[in-house]
Amino acid sequence: EVQLVESGGGLVQPGGSLRLSCAASGFTFSSYWMYWVRQAPGKGLEWVSHINSDSVIKAYADSVKGRFTISRDNAKNTVYLQMNSLKPEDTAEYYCVTSPVYYSPAFLVREKVAYWGQGTQVTVSS
C-alpha cells in the first residue's frame, strides 16, 4: 500500500523558512515522480513543484520559483520542499503526491490522479 506522510509544517513569520518532508513507503520510491501540491483556505489545488526519479528534472510554479527548492533522497525514500522567503500567500495545506508516470500540473490537480498524502499545514503570519 502506498503511504505518504508529510511533516515539517507549522507557523512561521513572513520572510522565514520551513522544510517540508514526505516519507514514502509501499512502492519503489526511486522510480516514481514526486510532486508538491497546495491548497490555500477557500481556494483550489495549486501545483507547486515536481521532481523526477533521478532528480534531473525539477520544475516550479511561478509563484514559488526562486524561493522554494525540491529535492529527494532515494536512499531514505523521502522528498523535501525547502521553502524560503515565505509570504502570507504561501499559507496552505501542502500535499505530497506520487505517481509512476509524469502528469502535467494541470492534469494532476484537475483530475487528482496518483497517490496523495494527508497534508501538512503551513501558516505564514506575523
PDB file of N, CA and C in Angstrom:
ATOM      1  N   GLU A   1       0.842  -1.183   0.000  1.00  0.00           N
ATOM      2  CA  GLU A   1       0.000   0.000   0.000  1.00  0.00           C
ATOM      3  C   GLU A   1       0.888   1.249   0.000  1.00  0.00           C
ATOM      4  N   VAL A   2       0.589   2.156  -0.913  1.00  0.00           N
ATOM      5  CA  VAL A   2       1.345   3.401  -0.986  1.00  0.00           C
ATOM      6  C   VAL A   2       0.998   4.277   0.212  1.00  0.00           C
ATOM      7  N   GLN A   3       2.029   4.742   0.899  1.00  0.00           N
ATOM      8  CA  GLN A   3       1.825   5.670   2.008  1.00  0.00           C
ATOM      9  C   GLN A   3       2.770   6.852   1.852  1.00  0.00           C
ATOM     10  N   LEU A   4       2.220   8.037   2.051  1.00  0.00           N
ATOM     11  CA  LEU A   4       2.982   9.281   2.012  1.00  0.00           C
ATOM     12  C   LEU A   4       2.649  10.046   3.282  1.00  0.00           C
ATOM     13  N   VAL A   5       3.672  10.374   4.064  1.00  0.00           N
ATOM     14  CA  VAL A   5       3.458  11.074   5.326  1.00  0.00           C
ATOM     15  C   VAL A   5       4.261  12.361   5.314  1.00  0.00           C
ATOM     16  N   GLU A   6       3.539  13.478   5.269  1.00  0.00           N
ATOM     17  CA  GLU A   6       4.176  14.790   5.266  1.00  0.00           C
ATOM     18  C   GLU A   6       4.450  15.258   6.696  1.00  0.00           C
ATOM     19  N   SER A   7       5.489  16.053   6.842  1.00  0.00           N
ATOM     20  CA  SER A   7       5.818  16.661   8.130  1.00  0.00           C
ATOM     21  C   SER A   7       6.582  17.952   7.879  1.00  0.00           C
ATOM     22  N   GLY A   8       6.734  18.734   8.935  1.00  0.00           N
ATOM     23  CA  GLY A   8       7.532  19.949   8.844  1.00  0.00           C
ATOM     24  C   GLY A   8       6.736  21.235   8.735  1.00  0.00           C
ATOM     25  N   GLY A   9       5.435  21.122   8.640  1.00  0.00           N
ATOM     26  CA  GLY A   9       4.617  22.329   8.581  1.00  0.00           C
ATOM     27  C   GLY A   9       4.561  23.033   9.927  1.00  0.00           C
ATOM     28  N   GLY A  10       3.962  24.215   9.919  1.00  0.00           N
ATOM     29  CA  GLY A  10       3.835  24.968  11.158  1.00  0.00           C
ATOM     30  C   GLY A  10       3.581  26.422  10.889  1.00  0.00           C
ATOM     31  N   LEU A  11       3.725  27.208  11.951  1.00  0.00           N
ATOM     32  CA  LEU A  11       3.535  28.648  11.875  1.00  0.00           C
ATOM     33  C   LEU A  11       4.897  29.327  11.746  1.00  0.00           C
ATOM     34  N   VAL A  12       5.012  30.214  10.784  1.00  0.00           N
ATOM     35  CA  VAL A  12       6.269  30.914  10.562  1.00  0.00           C
ATOM     36  C   VAL A  12       5.972  32.361  10.190  1.00  0.00           C
ATOM     37  N   GLN A  13       6.860  33.260  10.546  1.00  0.00           N
ATOM     38  CA  GLN A  13       6.674  34.670  10.207  1.00  0.00           C
ATOM     39  C   GLN A  13       7.038  34.923   8.751  1.00  0.00           C
ATOM     40  N   PRO A  14       6.455  35.947   8.158  1.00  0.00           N
ATOM     41  CA  PRO A  14       6.849  36.306   6.790  1.00  0.00           C
ATOM     42  C   PRO A  14       8.354  36.509   6.693  1.00  0.00           C
ATOM     43  N   GLY A  15       8.914  35.986   5.612  1.00  0.00           N
ATOM     44  CA  GLY A  15      10.356  36.043   5.421  1.00  0.00           C
ATOM     45  C   GLY A  15      11.086  34.842   6.001  1.00  0.00           C
ATOM     46  N   GLY A  16      10.390  34.033   6.745  1.00  0.00           N
ATOM     47  CA  GLY A  16      11.007  32.875   7.363  1.00  0.00           C
ATOM     48  C   GLY A  16      11.105  31.681   6.435  1.00  0.00           C
ATOM     49  N   SER A  17      11.583  30.569   6.992  1.00  0.00           N
ATOM     50  CA  SER A  17      11.803  29.358   6.206  1.00  0.00           C
ATOM     51  C   SER A  17      11.211  28.144   6.912  1.00  0.00           C
ATOM     52  N   LEU A  18      10.861  27.167   6.111  1.00  0.00           N
ATOM     53  CA  LEU A  18      10.435  25.859   6.602  1.00  0.00           C
ATOM     54  C   LEU A  18      10.926  24.815   5.613  1.00  0.00           C
ATOM     55  N   ARG A  19      11.145  23.611   6.103  1.00  0.00           N
ATOM     56  CA  ARG A  19      11.437  22.493   5.214  1.00  0.00           C
ATOM     57  C   ARG A  19      10.417  21.404   5.446  1.00  0.00           C
ATOM     58  N   LEU A  20       9.665  21.119   4.410  1.00  0.00           N
ATOM     59  CA  LEU A  20       8.706  20.029   4.463  1.00  0.00           C
ATOM     60  C   LEU A  20       9.385  18.732   4.049  1.00  0.00           C
ATOM     61  N   SER A  21       8.963  17.654   4.692  1.00  0.00           N
ATOM     62  CA  SER A  21       9.437  16.323   4.329  1.00  0.00           C
ATOM     63  C   SER A  21       8.248  15.433   4.016  1.00  0.00           C
ATOM     64  N   CYS A  22       8.487  14.471   3.168  1.00  0.00           N
ATOM     65  CA  CYS A  22       7.455  13.496   2.840  1.00  0.00           C
ATOM     66  C   CYS A  22       8.116  12.125   2.831  1.00  0.00           C
ATOM     67  N   ALA A  23       7.768  11.315   3.807  1.00  0.00           N
ATOM     68  CA  ALA A  23       8.312   9.966   3.911  1.00  0.00           C
ATOM     69  C   ALA A  23       7.399   9.004   3.167  1.00  0.00           C
ATOM     70  N   ALA A  24       7.981   8.236   2.252  1.00  0.00           N
ATOM     71  CA  ALA A  24       7.207   7.354   1.384  1.00  0.00           C
ATOM     72  C   ALA A  24       7.468   5.889   1.699  1.00  0.00           C
ATOM     73  N   SER A  25       6.449   5.071   1.484  1.00  0.00           N
ATOM     74  CA  SER A  25       6.600   3.631   1.653  1.00  0.00           C
ATOM     75  C   SER A  25       5.555   2.919   0.818  1.00  0.00           C
ATOM     76  N   GLY A  26       5.809   1.630   0.594  1.00  0.00           N
ATOM     77  CA  GLY A  26       4.827   0.820  -0.121  1.00  0.00           C
ATOM     78  C   GLY A  26       4.990   0.782  -1.628  1.00  0.00           C
ATOM     79  N   PHE A  27       6.040   1.398  -2.133  1.00  0.00           N
ATOM     80  CA  PHE A  27       6.291   1.374  -3.571  1.00  0.00           C
ATOM     81  C   PHE A  27       7.779   1.627  -3.814  1.00  0.00           C
ATOM     82  N   THR A  28       8.205   1.477  -5.055  1.00  0.00           N
ATOM     83  CA  THR A  28       9.616   1.677  -5.403  1.00  0.00           C
ATOM     84  C   THR A  28       9.867   3.167  -5.585  1.00  0.00           C
ATOM     85  N   PHE A  29      10.164   3.806  -4.480  1.00  0.00           N
ATOM     86  CA  PHE A  29      10.287   5.273  -4.438  1.00  0.00           C
ATOM     87  C   PHE A  29      11.220   5.792  -5.523  1.00  0.00           C
ATOM     88  N   SER A  30      12.333   5.135  -5.716  1.00  0.00           N
ATOM     89  CA  SER A  30      13.364   5.641  -6.628  1.00  0.00           C
ATOM     90  C   SER A  30      12.915   5.664  -8.081  1.00  0.00           C
ATOM     91  N   SER A  31      11.764   5.070  -8.382  1.00  0.00           N
ATOM     92  CA  SER A  31      11.268   5.023  -9.758  1.00  0.00           C
ATOM     93  C   SER A  31      10.108   5.981 -10.009  1.00  0.00           C
ATOM     94  N   TYR A  32       9.656   6.664  -9.002  1.00  0.00           N
ATOM     95  CA  TYR A  32       8.437   7.456  -9.086  1.00  0.00           C
ATOM     96  C   TYR A  32       8.726   8.950  -9.155  1.00  0.00           C
ATOM     97  N   TRP A  33       7.842   9.650  -9.848  1.00  0.00           N
ATOM     98  CA  TRP A  33       7.800  11.102  -9.801  1.00  0.00           C
ATOM     99  C   TRP A  33       7.214  11.523  -8.449  1.00  0.00           C
ATOM    100  N   MET A  34       7.689  12.663  -7.965  1.00  0.00           N
ATOM    101  CA  MET A  34       7.174  13.218  -6.724  1.00  0.00           C
ATOM    102  C   MET A  34       6.751  14.663  -6.960  1.00  0.00           C
ATOM    103  N   TYR A  35       5.638  15.031  -6.375  1.00  0.00           N
ATOM    104  CA  TYR A  35       5.076  16.365  -6.549  1.00  0.00           C
ATOM    105  C   TYR A  35       4.726  16.961  -5.187  1.00  0.00           C
ATOM    106  N   TRP A  36       4.692  18.279  -5.155  1.00  0.00           N
ATOM    107  CA  TRP A  36       4.091  19.009  -4.048  1.00  0.00           C
ATOM    108  C   TRP A  36       2.948  19.842  -4.618  1.00  0.00           C
ATOM    109  N   VAL A  37       1.818  19.742  -3.949  1.00  0.00           N
ATOM    110  CA  VAL A  37       0.611  20.481  -4.335  1.00  0.00           C
ATOM    111  C   VAL A  37       0.080  21.152  -3.076  1.00  0.00           C
ATOM    112  N   ARG A  38      -0.466  22.334  -3.209  1.00  0.00           N
ATOM    113  CA  ARG A  38      -1.001  23.024  -2.030  1.00  0.00           C
ATOM    114  C   ARG A  38      -2.415  23.513  -2.266  1.00  0.00           C
ATOM    115  N   GLN A  39      -3.094  23.760  -1.162  1.00  0.00           N
ATOM    116  CA  GLN A  39      -4.446  24.308  -1.227  1.00  0.00           C
ATOM    117  C   GLN A  39      -4.605  25.349  -0.138  1.00  0.00           C
ATOM    118  N   ALA A  40      -4.753  26.584  -0.550  1.00  0.00           N
ATOM    119  CA  ALA A  40      -4.966  27.680   0.378  1.00  0.00           C
ATOM    120  C   ALA A  40      -6.418  27.676   0.848  1.00  0.00           C
ATOM    121  N   PRO A  41      -6.678  28.272   1.991  1.00  0.00           N
ATOM    122  CA  PRO A  41      -8.054  28.299   2.502  1.00  0.00           C
ATOM    123  C   PRO A  41      -9.021  28.908   1.492  1.00  0.00           C
ATOM    124  N   GLY A  42     -10.079  28.179   1.185  1.00  0.00           N
ATOM    125  CA  GLY A  42     -11.102  28.677   0.279  1.00  0.00           C
ATOM    126  C   GLY A  42     -10.728  28.692  -1.188  1.00  0.00           C
ATOM    127  N   LYS A  43      -9.583  28.087  -1.526  1.00  0.00           N
ATOM    128  CA  LYS A  43      -9.131  28.092  -2.918  1.00  0.00           C
ATOM    129  C   LYS A  43      -8.933  26.671  -3.426  1.00  0.00           C
ATOM    130  N   GLY A  44      -8.676  26.554  -4.715  1.00  0.00           N
ATOM    131  CA  GLY A  44      -8.467  25.255  -5.319  1.00  0.00           C
ATOM    132  C   GLY A  44      -7.051  24.745  -5.147  1.00  0.00           C
ATOM    133  N   LEU A  45      -6.810  23.567  -5.661  1.00  0.00           N
ATOM    134  CA  LEU A  45      -5.488  22.976  -5.596  1.00  0.00           C
ATOM    135  C   LEU A  45      -4.535  23.716  -6.525  1.00  0.00           C
ATOM    136  N   GLU A  46      -3.308  23.881  -6.071  1.00  0.00           N
ATOM    137  CA  GLU A  46      -2.272  24.538  -6.865  1.00  0.00           C
ATOM    138  C   GLU A  46      -1.017  23.683  -6.872  1.00  0.00           C
ATOM    139  N   TRP A  47      -0.605  23.282  -8.055  1.00  0.00           N
ATOM    140  CA  TRP A  47       0.663  22.565  -8.174  1.00  0.00           C
ATOM    141  C   TRP A  47       1.796  23.502  -7.782  1.00  0.00           C
ATOM    142  N   VAL A  48       2.757  22.988  -7.010  1.00  0.00           N
ATOM    143  CA  VAL A  48       3.874  23.786  -6.523  1.00  0.00           C
ATOM    144  C   VAL A  48       5.186  23.399  -7.209  1.00  0.00           C
ATOM    145  N   SER A  49       5.453  22.085  -7.252  1.00  0.00           N
ATOM    146  CA  SER A  49       6.741  21.646  -7.774  1.00  0.00           C
ATOM    147  C   SER A  49       6.697  20.151  -8.061  1.00  0.00           C
ATOM    148  N   HIS A  50       7.624  19.706  -8.887  1.00  0.00           N
ATOM    149  CA  HIS A  50       7.800  18.262  -9.059  1.00  0.00           C
ATOM    150  C   HIS A  50       9.248  17.929  -9.365  1.00  0.00           C
ATOM    151  N   ILE A  51       9.567  16.657  -9.163  1.00  0.00           N
ATOM    152  CA  ILE A  51      10.921  16.160  -9.373  1.00  0.00           C
ATOM    153  C   ILE A  51      10.827  14.741  -9.923  1.00  0.00           C
ATOM    154  N   ASN A  52      11.697  14.420 -10.862  1.00  0.00           N
ATOM    155  CA  ASN A  52      11.620  13.071 -11.410  1.00  0.00           C
ATOM    156  C   ASN A  52      12.462  12.105 -10.569  1.00  0.00           C
ATOM    157  N   SER A  53      12.516  10.873 -11.002  1.00  0.00           N
ATOM    158  CA  SER A  53      13.077   9.811 -10.167  1.00  0.00           C
ATOM    159  C   SER A  53      14.545  10.023  -9.821  1.00  0.00           C
ATOM    160  N   ASP A  54      15.323  10.579 -10.775  1.00  0.00           N
ATOM    161  CA  ASP A  54      16.761  10.739 -10.517  1.00  0.00           C
ATOM    162  C   ASP A  54      17.164  12.184 -10.313  1.00  0.00           C
ATOM    163  N   SER A  55      16.169  13.024 -10.033  1.00  0.00           N
ATOM    164  CA  SER A  55      16.394  14.439  -9.686  1.00  0.00           C
ATOM    165  C   SER A  55      16.931  15.284 -10.834  1.00  0.00           C
ATOM    166  N   VAL A  56      16.878  14.749 -12.040  1.00  0.00           N
ATOM    167  CA  VAL A  56      17.365  15.526 -13.182  1.00  0.00           C
ATOM    168  C   VAL A  56      16.341  16.597 -13.573  1.00  0.00           C
ATOM    169  N   ILE A  57      15.084  16.268 -13.467  1.00  0.00           N
ATOM    170  CA  ILE A  57      14.010  17.187 -13.846  1.00  0.00           C
ATOM    171  C   ILE A  57      13.356  17.752 -12.589  1.00  0.00           C
ATOM    172  N   LYS A  58      13.383  19.061 -12.488  1.00  0.00           N
ATOM    173  CA  LYS A  58      12.700  19.767 -11.409  1.00  0.00           C
ATOM    174  C   LYS A  58      11.949  20.937 -12.029  1.00  0.00           C
ATOM    175  N   ALA A  59      10.786  21.219 -11.498  1.00  0.00           N
ATOM    176  CA  ALA A  59      10.010  22.343 -12.016  1.00  0.00           C
ATOM    177  C   ALA A  59       9.249  22.992 -10.871  1.00  0.00           C
ATOM    178  N   TYR A  60       8.966  24.284 -11.069  1.00  0.00           N
ATOM    179  CA  TYR A  60       8.328  25.065 -10.012  1.00  0.00           C
ATOM    180  C   TYR A  60       7.242  25.959 -10.595  1.00  0.00           C
ATOM    181  N   ALA A  61       6.213  26.191  -9.805  1.00  0.00           N
ATOM    182  CA  ALA A  61       5.220  27.194 -10.170  1.00  0.00           C
ATOM    183  C   ALA A  61       5.873  28.569 -10.114  1.00  0.00           C
ATOM    184  N   ASP A  62       5.408  29.469 -10.955  1.00  0.00           N
ATOM    185  CA  ASP A  62       5.975  30.816 -10.968  1.00  0.00           C
ATOM    186  C   ASP A  62       5.865  31.490  -9.604  1.00  0.00           C
ATOM    187  N   SER A  63       4.828  31.153  -8.868  1.00  0.00           N
ATOM    188  CA  SER A  63       4.586  31.801  -7.581  1.00  0.00           C
ATOM    189  C   SER A  63       5.630  31.440  -6.524  1.00  0.00           C
ATOM    190  N   VAL A  64       6.382  30.365  -6.748  1.00  0.00           N
ATOM    191  CA  VAL A  64       7.373  29.936  -5.751  1.00  0.00           C
ATOM    192  C   VAL A  64       8.788  29.879  -6.314  1.00  0.00           C
ATOM    193  N   LYS A  65       8.924  30.095  -7.606  1.00  0.00           N
ATOM    194  CA  LYS A  65      10.235  29.981  -8.253  1.00  0.00           C
ATOM    195  C   LYS A  65      11.228  30.945  -7.616  1.00  0.00           C
ATOM    196  N   GLY A  66      12.407  30.424  -7.325  1.00  0.00           N
ATOM    197  CA  GLY A  66      13.436  31.233  -6.697  1.00  0.00           C
ATOM    198  C   GLY A  66      13.372  31.256  -5.183  1.00  0.00           C
ATOM    199  N   ARG A  67      12.279  30.763  -4.633  1.00  0.00           N
ATOM    200  CA  ARG A  67      12.124  30.740  -3.158  1.00  0.00           C
ATOM    201  C   ARG A  67      12.043  29.307  -2.621  1.00  0.00           C
ATOM    202  N   PHE A  68      11.471  28.395  -3.400  1.00  0.00           N
ATOM    203  CA  PHE A  68      11.305  27.005  -2.965  1.00  0.00           C
ATOM    204  C   PHE A  68      12.269  26.111  -3.741  1.00  0.00           C
ATOM    205  N   THR A  69      12.719  25.059  -3.074  1.00  0.00           N
ATOM    206  CA  THR A  69      13.593  24.073  -3.708  1.00  0.00           C
ATOM    207  C   THR A  69      13.117  22.674  -3.367  1.00  0.00           C
ATOM    208  N   ILE A  70      12.900  21.876  -4.386  1.00  0.00           N
ATOM    209  CA  ILE A  70      12.509  20.480  -4.190  1.00  0.00           C
ATOM    210  C   ILE A  70      13.748  19.598  -4.301  1.00  0.00           C
ATOM    211  N   SER A  71      13.785  18.553  -3.485  1.00  0.00           N
ATOM    212  CA  SER A  71      14.877  17.591  -3.557  1.00  0.00           C
ATOM    213  C   SER A  71      14.366  16.243  -3.066  1.00  0.00           C
ATOM    214  N   ARG A  72      15.143  15.224  -3.287  1.00  0.00           N
ATOM    215  CA  ARG A  72      14.757  13.882  -2.829  1.00  0.00           C
ATOM    216  C   ARG A  72      16.005  13.104  -2.443  1.00  0.00           C
ATOM    217  N   ASP A  73      15.795  12.167  -1.532  1.00  0.00           N
ATOM    218  CA  ASP A  73      16.850  11.260  -1.105  1.00  0.00           C
ATOM    219  C   ASP A  73      16.307   9.853  -1.310  1.00  0.00           C
ATOM    220  N   ASN A  74      16.714   9.221  -2.386  1.00  0.00           N
ATOM    221  CA  ASN A  74      16.162   7.906  -2.699  1.00  0.00           C
ATOM    222  C   ASN A  74      16.607   6.827  -1.707  1.00  0.00           C
ATOM    223  N   ALA A  75      17.698   7.065  -1.023  1.00  0.00           N
ATOM    224  CA  ALA A  75      18.137   6.103  -0.004  1.00  0.00           C
ATOM    225  C   ALA A  75      17.244   6.152   1.230  1.00  0.00           C
ATOM    226  N   LYS A  76      16.636   7.307   1.438  1.00  0.00           N
ATOM    227  CA  LYS A  76      15.760   7.483   2.605  1.00  0.00           C
ATOM    228  C   LYS A  76      14.278   7.479   2.238  1.00  0.00           C
ATOM    229  N   ASN A  77      13.981   7.294   0.951  1.00  0.00           N
ATOM    230  CA  ASN A  77      12.573   7.307   0.497  1.00  0.00           C
ATOM    231  C   ASN A  77      11.854   8.569   0.946  1.00  0.00           C
ATOM    232  N   THR A  78      12.510   9.691   0.769  1.00  0.00           N
ATOM    233  CA  THR A  78      11.964  10.950   1.261  1.00  0.00           C
ATOM    234  C   THR A  78      12.149  12.046   0.217  1.00  0.00           C
ATOM    235  N   VAL A  79      11.118  12.878   0.092  1.00  0.00           N
ATOM    236  CA  VAL A  79      11.208  14.065  -0.746  1.00  0.00           C
ATOM    237  C   VAL A  79      11.042  15.285   0.164  1.00  0.00           C
ATOM    238  N   TYR A  80      11.712  16.356  -0.215  1.00  0.00           N
ATOM    239  CA  TYR A  80      11.722  17.561   0.613  1.00  0.00           C
ATOM    240  C   TYR A  80      11.243  18.760  -0.203  1.00  0.00           C
ATOM    241  N   LEU A  81      10.761  19.754   0.523  1.00  0.00           N
ATOM    242  CA  LEU A  81      10.474  21.053  -0.073  1.00  0.00           C
ATOM    243  C   LEU A  81      11.027  22.113   0.871  1.00  0.00           C
ATOM    244  N   GLN A  82      12.137  22.705   0.473  1.00  0.00           N
ATOM    245  CA  GLN A  82      12.727  23.799   1.245  1.00  0.00           C
ATOM    246  C   GLN A  82      12.039  25.088   0.825  1.00  0.00           C
ATOM    247  N   MET A  83      11.447  25.769   1.774  1.00  0.00           N
ATOM    248  CA  MET A  83      10.679  26.979   1.484  1.00  0.00           C
ATOM    249  C   MET A  83      11.332  28.162   2.192  1.00  0.00           C
ATOM    250  N   ASN A  84      11.828  29.098   1.428  1.00  0.00           N
ATOM    251  CA  ASN A  84      12.472  30.295   1.963  1.00  0.00           C
ATOM    252  C   ASN A  84      11.667  31.532   1.596  1.00  0.00           C
ATOM    253  N   SER A  85      11.967  32.622   2.275  1.00  0.00           N
ATOM    254  CA  SER A  85      11.301  33.903   1.999  1.00  0.00           C
ATOM    255  C   SER A  85       9.781  33.724   1.932  1.00  0.00           C
ATOM    256  N   LEU A  86       9.251  33.077   2.921  1.00  0.00           N
ATOM    257  CA  LEU A  86       7.828  32.754   2.919  1.00  0.00           C
ATOM    258  C   LEU A  86       6.971  34.010   3.007  1.00  0.00           C
ATOM    259  N   LYS A  87       5.832  33.936   2.325  1.00  0.00           N
ATOM    260  CA  LYS A  87       4.886  35.051   2.272  1.00  0.00           C
ATOM    261  C   LYS A  87       3.539  34.590   2.832  1.00  0.00           C
ATOM    262  N   PRO A  88       2.721  35.520   3.278  1.00  0.00           N
ATOM    263  CA  PRO A  88       1.391  35.113   3.765  1.00  0.00           C
ATOM    264  C   PRO A  88       0.597  34.319   2.730  1.00  0.00           C
ATOM    265  N   GLU A  89       0.800  34.613   1.463  1.00  0.00           N
ATOM    266  CA  GLU A  89       0.067  33.892   0.420  1.00  0.00           C
ATOM    267  C   GLU A  89       0.557  32.463   0.220  1.00  0.00           C
ATOM    268  N   ASP A  90       1.616  32.075   0.910  1.00  0.00           N
ATOM    269  CA  ASP A  90       2.050  30.677   0.894  1.00  0.00           C
ATOM    270  C   ASP A  90       1.284  29.837   1.906  1.00  0.00           C
ATOM    271  N   THR A  91       0.469  30.487   2.721  1.00  0.00           N
ATOM    272  CA  THR A  91      -0.342  29.759   3.699  1.00  0.00           C
ATOM    273  C   THR A  91      -1.261  28.781   2.990  1.00  0.00           C
ATOM    274  N   ALA A  92      -1.144  27.497   3.349  1.00  0.00           N
ATOM    275  CA  ALA A  92      -1.920  26.457   2.659  1.00  0.00           C
ATOM    276  C   ALA A  92      -1.669  25.110   3.325  1.00  0.00           C
ATOM    277  N   GLU A  93      -2.484  24.157   2.943  1.00  0.00           N
ATOM    278  CA  GLU A  93      -2.200  22.765   3.252  1.00  0.00           C
ATOM    279  C   GLU A  93      -1.329  22.256   2.113  1.00  0.00           C
ATOM    280  N   TYR A  94      -0.215  21.643   2.456  1.00  0.00           N
ATOM    281  CA  TYR A  94       0.728  21.156   1.450  1.00  0.00           C
ATOM    282  C   TYR A  94       0.652  19.634   1.385  1.00  0.00           C
ATOM    283  N   TYR A  95       0.452  19.138   0.164  1.00  0.00           N
ATOM    284  CA  TYR A  95       0.298  17.703  -0.061  1.00  0.00           C
ATOM    285  C   TYR A  95       1.471  17.160  -0.861  1.00  0.00           C
ATOM    286  N   CYS A  96       1.922  16.011  -0.468  1.00  0.00           N
ATOM    287  CA  CYS A  96       2.910  15.237  -1.212  1.00  0.00           C
ATOM    288  C   CYS A  96       2.148  14.263  -2.110  1.00  0.00           C
ATOM    289  N   VAL A  97       2.573  14.175  -3.352  1.00  0.00           N
ATOM    290  CA  VAL A  97       1.883  13.333  -4.336  1.00  0.00           C
ATOM    291  C   VAL A  97       2.918  12.510  -5.087  1.00  0.00           C
ATOM    292  N   THR A  98       2.565  11.301  -5.450  1.00  0.00           N
ATOM    293  CA  THR A  98       3.497  10.468  -6.205  1.00  0.00           C
ATOM    294  C   THR A  98       2.781   9.714  -7.325  1.00  0.00           C
ATOM    295  N   SER A  99       3.521   9.434  -8.367  1.00  0.00           N
ATOM    296  CA  SER A  99       2.995   8.614  -9.454  1.00  0.00           C
ATOM    297  C   SER A  99       4.150   7.963 -10.200  1.00  0.00           C
ATOM    298  N   PRO A 100       3.918   6.819 -10.826  1.00  0.00           N
ATOM    299  CA  PRO A 100       4.976   6.151 -11.593  1.00  0.00           C
ATOM    300  C   PRO A 100       5.211   6.797 -12.953  1.00  0.00           C
ATOM    301  N   VAL A 101       4.242   7.613 -13.392  1.00  0.00           N
ATOM    302  CA  VAL A 101       4.382   8.296 -14.671  1.00  0.00           C
ATOM    303  C   VAL A 101       4.210   9.793 -14.446  1.00  0.00           C
ATOM    304  N   TYR A 102       4.634  10.552 -15.451  1.00  0.00           N
ATOM    305  CA  TYR A 102       4.517  12.008 -15.351  1.00  0.00           C
ATOM    306  C   TYR A 102       3.096  12.447 -15.665  1.00  0.00           C
ATOM    307  N   TYR A 103       2.598  13.354 -14.828  1.00  0.00           N
ATOM    308  CA  TYR A 103       1.347  14.044 -15.097  1.00  0.00           C
ATOM    309  C   TYR A 103       1.640  15.533 -15.175  1.00  0.00           C
ATOM    310  N   SER A 104       1.034  16.192 -16.135  1.00  0.00           N
ATOM    311  CA  SER A 104       1.201  17.636 -16.194  1.00  0.00           C
ATOM    312  C   SER A 104       0.564  18.248 -14.963  1.00  0.00           C
ATOM    313  N   PRO A 105       1.074  19.409 -14.536  1.00  0.00           N
ATOM    314  CA  PRO A 105       0.490  20.043 -13.352  1.00  0.00           C
ATOM    315  C   PRO A 105      -1.016  20.269 -13.465  1.00  0.00           C
ATOM    316  N   ALA A 106      -1.453  20.707 -14.634  1.00  0.00           N
ATOM    317  CA  ALA A 106      -2.881  20.975 -14.803  1.00  0.00           C
ATOM    318  C   ALA A 106      -3.715  19.712 -14.668  1.00  0.00           C
ATOM    319  N   PHE A 107      -3.242  18.643 -15.287  1.00  0.00           N
ATOM    320  CA  PHE A 107      -3.973  17.377 -15.223  1.00  0.00           C
ATOM    321  C   PHE A 107      -3.969  16.833 -13.806  1.00  0.00           C
ATOM    322  N   LEU A 108      -2.820  16.932 -13.147  1.00  0.00           N
ATOM    323  CA  LEU A 108      -2.666  16.394 -11.795  1.00  0.00           C
ATOM    324  C   LEU A 108      -3.679  17.003 -10.838  1.00  0.00           C
ATOM    325  N   VAL A 109      -3.800  18.335 -10.870  1.00  0.00           N
ATOM    326  CA  VAL A 109      -4.682  18.985  -9.893  1.00  0.00           C
ATOM    327  C   VAL A 109      -6.141  18.931 -10.343  1.00  0.00           C
ATOM    328  N   ARG A 110      -6.380  18.864 -11.648  1.00  0.00           N
ATOM    329  CA  ARG A 110      -7.756  18.819 -12.119  1.00  0.00           C
ATOM    330  C   ARG A 110      -8.378  17.445 -11.853  1.00  0.00           C
ATOM    331  N   GLU A 111      -7.610  16.394 -12.147  1.00  0.00           N
ATOM    332  CA  GLU A 111      -8.144  15.040 -12.027  1.00  0.00           C
ATOM    333  C   GLU A 111      -7.818  14.398 -10.685  1.00  0.00           C
ATOM    334  N   LYS A 112      -6.885  14.998  -9.969  1.00  0.00           N
ATOM    335  CA  LYS A 112      -6.442  14.470  -8.669  1.00  0.00           C
ATOM    336  C   LYS A 112      -6.090  12.987  -8.803  1.00  0.00           C
ATOM    337  N   VAL A 113      -5.286  12.694  -9.802  1.00  0.00           N
ATOM    338  CA  VAL A 113      -4.836  11.323 -10.021  1.00  0.00           C
ATOM    339  C   VAL A 113      -3.659  11.034  -9.107  1.00  0.00           C
ATOM    340  N   ALA A 114      -3.173   9.810  -9.172  1.00  0.00           N
ATOM    341  CA  ALA A 114      -1.987   9.363  -8.442  1.00  0.00           C
ATOM    342  C   ALA A 114      -2.298   9.208  -6.958  1.00  0.00           C
ATOM    343  N   TYR A 115      -1.229   9.177  -6.166  1.00  0.00           N
ATOM    344  CA  TYR A 115      -1.352   8.908  -4.740  1.00  0.00           C
ATOM    345  C   TYR A 115      -1.036  10.176  -3.956  1.00  0.00           C
ATOM    346  N   TRP A 116      -1.865  10.473  -2.968  1.00  0.00           N
ATOM    347  CA  TRP A 116      -1.749  11.705  -2.203  1.00  0.00           C
ATOM    348  C   TRP A 116      -1.558  11.415  -0.727  1.00  0.00           C
ATOM    349  N   GLY A 117      -0.726  12.235  -0.072  1.00  0.00           N
ATOM    350  CA  GLY A 117      -0.611  12.183   1.360  1.00  0.00           C
ATOM    351  C   GLY A 117      -1.750  12.942   2.020  1.00  0.00           C
ATOM    352  N   GLN A 118      -1.717  12.998   3.347  1.00  0.00           N
ATOM    353  CA  GLN A 118      -2.794  13.655   4.100  1.00  0.00           C
ATOM    354  C   GLN A 118      -2.573  15.154   4.239  1.00  0.00           C
ATOM    355  N   GLY A 119      -1.370  15.599   3.996  1.00  0.00           N
ATOM    356  CA  GLY A 119      -1.092  17.031   4.026  1.00  0.00           C
ATOM    357  C   GLY A 119      -0.482  17.507   5.329  1.00  0.00           C
ATOM    358  N   THR A 120       0.183  18.654   5.233  1.00  0.00           N
ATOM    359  CA  THR A 120       0.721  19.335   6.401  1.00  0.00           C
ATOM    360  C   THR A 120       0.443  20.825   6.245  1.00  0.00           C
ATOM    361  N   GLN A 121       0.023  21.456   7.323  1.00  0.00           N
ATOM    362  CA  GLN A 121      -0.411  22.847   7.263  1.00  0.00           C
ATOM    363  C   GLN A 121       0.789  23.788   7.421  1.00  0.00           C
ATOM    364  N   VAL A 122       0.849  24.766   6.545  1.00  0.00           N
ATOM    365  CA  VAL A 122       1.837  25.838   6.640  1.00  0.00           C
ATOM    366  C   VAL A 122       1.086  27.156   6.786  1.00  0.00           C
ATOM    367  N   THR A 123       1.405  27.882   7.834  1.00  0.00           N
ATOM    368  CA  THR A 123       0.772  29.176   8.065  1.00  0.00           C
ATOM    369  C   THR A 123       1.869  30.235   8.177  1.00  0.00           C
ATOM    370  N   VAL A 124       1.767  31.234   7.329  1.00  0.00           N
ATOM    371  CA  VAL A 124       2.738  32.328   7.325  1.00  0.00           C
ATOM    372  C   VAL A 124       2.021  33.579   7.814  1.00  0.00           C
ATOM    373  N   SER A 125       2.399  34.006   8.998  1.00  0.00           N
ATOM    374  CA  SER A 125       1.699  35.126   9.613  1.00  0.00           C
ATOM    375  C   SER A 125       2.573  35.756  10.684  1.00  0.00           C
ATOM    376  N   SER A 126       2.406  37.057  10.841  1.00  0.00           N
ATOM    377  CA  SER A 126       3.120  37.741  11.911  1.00  0.00           C
ATOM    378  C   SER A 126       2.254  37.834  13.165  1.00  0.00           C
TER     379      SER A 126
END
